[in-house]
Amino acid sequence: MELEFDVVELDEPDNPEEGETAPDFERPLVNDEYWEDTSLSALTDEGPVALIFYPMDGAFPATYIWNELRDRDIDSNEITVVGLSISTPYEHKTLLQERELEDTEIQLFSDPSNEVAEQYGIVNDLDGMTGIDEPRTATFVIDDERTIQYAWVASEHPDFPDYDEFEAAVEDAAGD
């Protein structure tokens, strides 16, 4: 099968692993109505969090990821589901509408500077775009003490998590 895009091997990530503390950050968190600056620790104070890093809104991996998670009703568990990309709050509002996520509990962090991906050691420098990078696809399930219970990070671009495995980790965290 000939792909219409290149698969790119990525450098080894330096991400936090299971059992480690998830780095805290504060960024605009967008839902279907508004956005406000929110920290990861504020979310974990309320319970476990599923944190999904993904390429910019509008890119096919973002479409694929959010369609898959929407179809699995990933937000139906007792866990906060948030995404994070370099896209602006305005672009996030459009993604929520286009992917039919506005009636879900899913929210999206906006991090145009990609500083959070740097904290998590998962930066993807975009080929042919000097000075532009984005997070590589990654999923983390984080408990209410900010301890990482599950971690998956892409080793190539594009790459996607094992959604069954991720969903099981979300369900485990929600049941604790």
C-alpha atoms as a PDB file:
ATOM      1  CA  MET A   1       0.000   0.000   0.000  1.00  0.00           C
ATOM      2  CA  GLU A   2       1.402   3.380  -0.971  1.00  0.00           C
ATOM      3  CA  LEU A   3       0.838   6.105   1.605  1.00  0.00           C
ATOM      4  CA  GLU A   4       0.065   9.675   0.579  1.00  0.00           C
ATOM      5  CA  PHE A   5       2.344  10.959   3.322  1.00  0.00           C
ATOM      6  CA  ASP A   6       5.746  10.148   4.752  1.00  0.00           C
ATOM      7  CA  VAL A   7       6.116   8.186   7.957  1.00  0.00           C
ATOM      8  CA  VAL A   8       8.885   9.830   9.972  1.00  0.00           C
ATOM      9  CA  GLU A   9      10.897   8.059  12.660  1.00  0.00           C
ATOM     10  CA  LEU A  10      11.121  10.308  15.729  1.00  0.00           C
ATOM     11  CA  ASP A  11      14.006  10.704  18.150  1.00  0.00           C
ATOM     12  CA  GLU A  12      13.709   8.903  21.460  1.00  0.00           C
ATOM     13  CA  PRO A  13      11.355  10.902  23.731  1.00  0.00           C
ATOM     14  CA  ASP A  14      12.281  11.961  27.257  1.00  0.00           C
ATOM     15  CA  ASN A  15       8.755  11.738  28.633  1.00  0.00           C
ATOM     16  CA  PRO A  16       7.698  11.087  32.214  1.00  0.00           C
ATOM     17  CA  GLU A  17       6.958   7.400  32.799  1.00  0.00           C
ATOM     18  CA  GLU A  18       4.363   5.491  34.786  1.00  0.00           C
ATOM     19  CA  GLY A  19       4.861   6.058  38.507  1.00  0.00           C
ATOM     20  CA  GLU A  20       6.411   9.515  38.010  1.00  0.00           C
ATOM     21  CA  THR A  21       4.752  12.843  38.748  1.00  0.00           C
ATOM     22  CA  ALA A  22       3.181  14.550  35.744  1.00  0.00           C
ATOM     23  CA  PRO A  23       4.630  18.033  35.173  1.00  0.00           C
ATOM     24  CA  ASP A  24       2.132  20.729  36.098  1.00  0.00           C
ATOM     25  CA  PHE A  25       1.266  23.553  33.725  1.00  0.00           C
ATOM     26  CA  GLU A  26      -1.335  26.266  33.218  1.00  0.00           C
ATOM     27  CA  ARG A  27      -2.825  27.077  29.819  1.00  0.00           C
ATOM     28  CA  PRO A  28      -6.164  28.194  28.356  1.00  0.00           C
ATOM     29  CA  LEU A  29      -8.624  25.293  28.610  1.00  0.00           C
ATOM     30  CA  VAL A  30     -11.347  25.396  25.959  1.00  0.00           C
ATOM     31  CA  ASN A  31     -14.794  23.832  26.158  1.00  0.00           C
ATOM     32  CA  ASP A  32     -17.897  24.264  24.024  1.00  0.00           C
ATOM     33  CA  GLU A  33     -18.793  27.612  25.633  1.00  0.00           C
ATOM     34  CA  TYR A  34     -15.652  29.474  26.722  1.00  0.00           C
ATOM     35  CA  TRP A  35     -12.027  29.129  27.796  1.00  0.00           C
ATOM     36  CA  GLU A  36     -10.093  30.049  30.889  1.00  0.00           C
ATOM     37  CA  ASP A  37      -6.590  29.583  32.226  1.00  0.00           C
ATOM     38  CA  THR A  38      -6.524  26.286  34.107  1.00  0.00           C
ATOM     39  CA  SER A  39      -3.741  24.192  35.568  1.00  0.00           C
ATOM     40  CA  LEU A  40      -3.360  20.447  35.303  1.00  0.00           C
ATOM     41  CA  SER A  41      -3.176  20.290  39.116  1.00  0.00           C
ATOM     42  CA  ALA A  42      -6.575  22.024  39.376  1.00  0.00           C
ATOM     43  CA  LEU A  43      -8.021  19.240  37.228  1.00  0.00           C
ATOM     44  CA  THR A  44      -6.320  16.432  39.149  1.00  0.00           C
ATOM     45  CA  ASP A  45      -7.566  17.981  42.414  1.00  0.00           C
ATOM     46  CA  GLU A  46     -11.011  16.954  41.132  1.00  0.00           C
ATOM     47  CA  GLY A  47      -9.948  13.409  40.183  1.00  0.00           C
ATOM     48  CA  PRO A  48      -8.033  11.480  37.527  1.00  0.00           C
ATOM     49  CA  VAL A  49      -7.248  13.027  34.136  1.00  0.00           C
ATOM     50  CA  ALA A  50      -6.718  11.544  30.677  1.00  0.00           C
ATOM     51  CA  LEU A  51      -4.308  13.893  28.882  1.00  0.00           C
ATOM     52  CA  ILE A  52      -4.017  13.502  25.113  1.00  0.00           C
ATOM     53  CA  PHE A  53      -1.273  15.360  23.225  1.00  0.00           C
ATOM     54  CA  TYR A  54      -1.955  15.636  19.513  1.00  0.00           C
ATOM     55  CA  PRO A  55      -0.812  17.525  16.397  1.00  0.00           C
ATOM     56  CA  MET A  56      -2.403  20.826  15.493  1.00  0.00           C
ATOM     57  CA  ASP A  57      -6.135  21.029  14.841  1.00  0.00           C
ATOM     58  CA  GLY A  58      -7.007  20.424  11.208  1.00  0.00           C
ATOM     59  CA  ALA A  59      -4.228  17.881  10.682  1.00  0.00           C
ATOM     60  CA  PHE A  60      -5.523  14.407   9.826  1.00  0.00           C
ATOM     61  CA  PRO A  61      -4.068  12.810  13.004  1.00  0.00           C
ATOM     62  CA  ALA A  62      -6.125  15.197  15.152  1.00  0.00           C
ATOM     63  CA  THR A  63      -9.264  14.305  13.195  1.00  0.00           C
ATOM     64  CA  TYR A  64      -8.564  10.593  13.513  1.00  0.00           C
ATOM     65  CA  ILE A  65      -7.762  10.743  17.242  1.00  0.00           C
ATOM     66  CA  TRP A  66     -10.819  12.773  18.243  1.00  0.00           C
ATOM     67  CA  ASN A  67     -13.217  10.791  16.039  1.00  0.00           C
ATOM     68  CA  GLU A  68     -11.948   7.579  17.637  1.00  0.00           C
ATOM     69  CA  LEU A  69     -12.218   8.888  21.204  1.00  0.00           C
ATOM     70  CA  ARG A  70     -15.636  10.431  20.559  1.00  0.00           C
ATOM     71  CA  ASP A  71     -16.948   7.164  19.103  1.00  0.00           C
ATOM     72  CA  ARG A  72     -15.668   5.296  22.170  1.00  0.00           C
ATOM     73  CA  ASP A  73     -17.443   7.741  24.534  1.00  0.00           C
ATOM     74  CA  ILE A  74     -14.114   8.148  26.326  1.00  0.00           C
ATOM     75  CA  ASP A  75     -15.576  10.972  28.412  1.00  0.00           C
ATOM     76  CA  SER A  76     -18.382   8.779  29.807  1.00  0.00           C
ATOM     77  CA  ASN A  77     -16.037   7.563  32.560  1.00  0.00           C
ATOM     78  CA  GLU A  78     -15.524   9.355  35.854  1.00  0.00           C
ATOM     79  CA  ILE A  79     -12.354  10.980  34.570  1.00  0.00           C
ATOM     80  CA  THR A  80     -11.575  14.374  33.067  1.00  0.00           C
ATOM     81  CA  VAL A  81     -10.582  14.071  29.398  1.00  0.00           C
ATOM     82  CA  VAL A  82      -8.434  16.876  27.998  1.00  0.00           C
ATOM     83  CA  GLY A  83      -6.440  17.305  24.817  1.00  0.00           C
ATOM     84  CA  LEU A  84      -3.451  19.555  24.230  1.00  0.00           C
ATOM     85  CA  SER A  85      -2.028  20.959  21.005  1.00  0.00           C
ATOM     86  CA  ILE A  86      -0.369  24.089  19.639  1.00  0.00           C
ATOM     87  CA  SER A  87      -3.667  25.308  18.201  1.00  0.00           C
ATOM     88  CA  THR A  88      -5.335  28.480  19.460  1.00  0.00           C
ATOM     89  CA  PRO A  89      -8.547  28.560  21.500  1.00  0.00           C
ATOM     90  CA  TYR A  90     -10.395  29.712  18.367  1.00  0.00           C
ATOM     91  CA  GLU A  91      -9.147  26.696  16.412  1.00  0.00           C
ATOM     92  CA  HIS A  92     -10.099  24.439  19.338  1.00  0.00           C
ATOM     93  CA  LYS A  93     -13.664  25.779  19.285  1.00  0.00           C
ATOM     94  CA  THR A  94     -13.849  24.878  15.581  1.00  0.00           C
ATOM     95  CA  LEU A  95     -12.429  21.382  16.220  1.00  0.00           C
ATOM     96  CA  LEU A  96     -14.982  20.771  18.990  1.00  0.00           C
ATOM     97  CA  GLN A  97     -17.777  21.709  16.581  1.00  0.00           C
ATOM     98  CA  GLU A  98     -16.457  19.885  13.511  1.00  0.00           C
ATOM     99  CA  ARG A  99     -15.702  16.657  15.422  1.00  0.00           C
ATOM    100  CA  GLU A 100     -19.105  16.890  17.183  1.00  0.00           C
ATOM    101  CA  LEU A 101     -17.423  17.106  20.583  1.00  0.00           C
ATOM    102  CA  GLU A 102     -19.355  20.130  21.863  1.00  0.00           C
ATOM    103  CA  ASP A 103     -21.901  17.867  23.610  1.00  0.00           C
ATOM    104  CA  THR A 104     -19.171  15.907  25.389  1.00  0.00           C
ATOM    105  CA  GLU A 105     -17.147  16.679  28.497  1.00  0.00           C
ATOM    106  CA  ILE A 106     -13.920  16.848  26.459  1.00  0.00           C
ATOM    107  CA  GLN A 107     -11.893  20.058  26.758  1.00  0.00           C
ATOM    108  CA  LEU A 108      -8.738  21.179  24.946  1.00  0.00           C
ATOM    109  CA  PHE A 109      -5.675  22.996  26.270  1.00  0.00           C
ATOM    110  CA  SER A 110      -4.151  25.592  23.947  1.00  0.00           C
ATOM    111  CA  ASP A 111      -0.341  25.756  23.957  1.00  0.00           C
ATOM    112  CA  PRO A 112       0.864  27.649  20.840  1.00  0.00           C
ATOM    113  CA  SER A 113       4.400  27.917  22.248  1.00  0.00           C
ATOM    114  CA  ASN A 114       4.577  24.106  22.687  1.00  0.00           C
ATOM    115  CA  GLU A 115       6.184  24.611  26.097  1.00  0.00           C
ATOM    116  CA  VAL A 116       4.108  21.848  27.700  1.00  0.00           C
ATOM    117  CA  ALA A 117       5.350  19.303  25.149  1.00  0.00           C
ATOM    118  CA  GLU A 118       8.874  20.481  26.001  1.00  0.00           C
ATOM    119  CA  GLN A 119       8.164  19.849  29.711  1.00  0.00           C
ATOM    120  CA  TYR A 120       6.919  16.363  28.825  1.00  0.00           C
ATOM    121  CA  GLY A 121       9.876  15.645  26.499  1.00  0.00           C
ATOM    122  CA  ILE A 122       7.646  14.952  23.490  1.00  0.00           C
ATOM    123  CA  VAL A 123       8.378  17.739  21.000  1.00  0.00           C
ATOM    124  CA  ASN A 124       8.041  16.931  17.297  1.00  0.00           C
ATOM    125  CA  ASP A 125      10.032  19.327  15.098  1.00  0.00           C
ATOM    126  CA  LEU A 126       8.101  19.635  11.860  1.00  0.00           C
ATOM    127  CA  ASP A 127      10.170  18.768   8.806  1.00  0.00           C
ATOM    128  CA  GLY A 128      10.595  21.653   6.410  1.00  0.00           C
ATOM    129  CA  MET A 129       9.204  24.231   8.847  1.00  0.00           C
ATOM    130  CA  THR A 130      12.113  25.904  10.594  1.00  0.00           C
ATOM    131  CA  GLY A 131      11.223  26.990  14.110  1.00  0.00           C
ATOM    132  CA  ILE A 132       7.838  25.261  14.161  1.00  0.00           C
ATOM    133  CA  ASP A 133       7.181  22.275  16.337  1.00  0.00           C
ATOM    134  CA  GLU A 134       4.205  20.538  17.907  1.00  0.00           C
ATOM    135  CA  PRO A 135       3.688  17.769  20.411  1.00  0.00           C
ATOM    136  CA  ARG A 136       4.025  14.246  19.152  1.00  0.00           C
ATOM    137  CA  THR A 137       0.963  12.119  19.761  1.00  0.00           C
ATOM    138  CA  ALA A 138       0.965  10.894  23.356  1.00  0.00           C
ATOM    139  CA  THR A 139      -1.523   9.758  25.981  1.00  0.00           C
ATOM    140  CA  PHE A 140      -1.208   9.888  29.748  1.00  0.00           C
ATOM    141  CA  VAL A 141      -3.607   8.784  32.472  1.00  0.00           C
ATOM    142  CA  ILE A 142      -2.874  10.752  35.628  1.00  0.00           C
ATOM    143  CA  ASP A 143      -4.353  10.126  39.075  1.00  0.00           C
ATOM    144  CA  ASP A 144      -5.549  12.708  41.603  1.00  0.00           C
ATOM    145  CA  GLU A 145      -2.024  13.060  43.034  1.00  0.00           C
ATOM    146  CA  ARG A 146      -0.594  13.759  39.531  1.00  0.00           C
ATOM    147  CA  THR A 147       1.064  10.330  39.401  1.00  0.00           C
ATOM    148  CA  ILE A 148       1.163   8.908  35.897  1.00  0.00           C
ATOM    149  CA  GLN A 149      -0.705   5.596  35.796  1.00  0.00           C
ATOM    150  CA  TYR A 150      -0.386   5.035  32.042  1.00  0.00           C
ATOM    151  CA  ALA A 151       1.901   6.544  29.406  1.00  0.00           C
ATOM    152  CA  TRP A 152       2.177   6.040  25.666  1.00  0.00           C
ATOM    153  CA  VAL A 153       4.263   8.221  23.307  1.00  0.00           C
ATOM    154  CA  ALA A 154       4.525   7.941  19.524  1.00  0.00           C
ATOM    155  CA  SER A 155       7.813   6.680  18.113  1.00  0.00           C
ATOM    156  CA  GLU A 156       6.988   7.819  14.574  1.00  0.00           C
ATOM    157  CA  HIS A 157       4.783  10.397  12.900  1.00  0.00           C
ATOM    158  CA  PRO A 158       2.016   9.719  12.330  1.00  0.00           C
ATOM    159  CA  ASP A 159       1.414   7.089  14.994  1.00  0.00           C
ATOM    160  CA  PHE A 160      -1.575   6.344  17.195  1.00  0.00           C
ATOM    161  CA  PRO A 161      -2.010   4.700  20.577  1.00  0.00           C
ATOM    162  CA  ASP A 162      -3.594   1.307  21.066  1.00  0.00           C
ATOM    163  CA  TYR A 163      -7.048   2.714  21.784  1.00  0.00           C
ATOM    164  CA  ASP A 164      -8.250  -0.443  23.557  1.00  0.00           C
ATOM    165  CA  GLU A 165      -5.268  -0.257  25.917  1.00  0.00           C
ATOM    166  CA  PHE A 166      -5.786   3.479  26.504  1.00  0.00           C
ATOM    167  CA  GLU A 167      -9.512   2.996  27.100  1.00  0.00           C
ATOM    168  CA  ALA A 168      -8.775   0.224  29.640  1.00  0.00           C
ATOM    169  CA  ALA A 169      -6.344   2.535  31.474  1.00  0.00           C
ATOM    170  CA  VAL A 170      -8.999   5.280  31.552  1.00  0.00           C
ATOM    171  CA  GLU A 171     -11.580   2.849  32.913  1.00  0.00           C
ATOM    172  CA  ASP A 172      -9.105   1.588  35.561  1.00  0.00           C
ATOM    173  CA  ALA A 173      -8.354   5.139  36.695  1.00  0.00           C
ATOM    174  CA  ALA A 174     -12.054   6.029  36.800  1.00  0.00           C
ATOM    175  CA  GLY A 175     -12.780   2.979  38.954  1.00  0.00           C
ATOM    176  CA  ASP A 176     -10.170   3.821  41.612  1.00  0.00           C
END
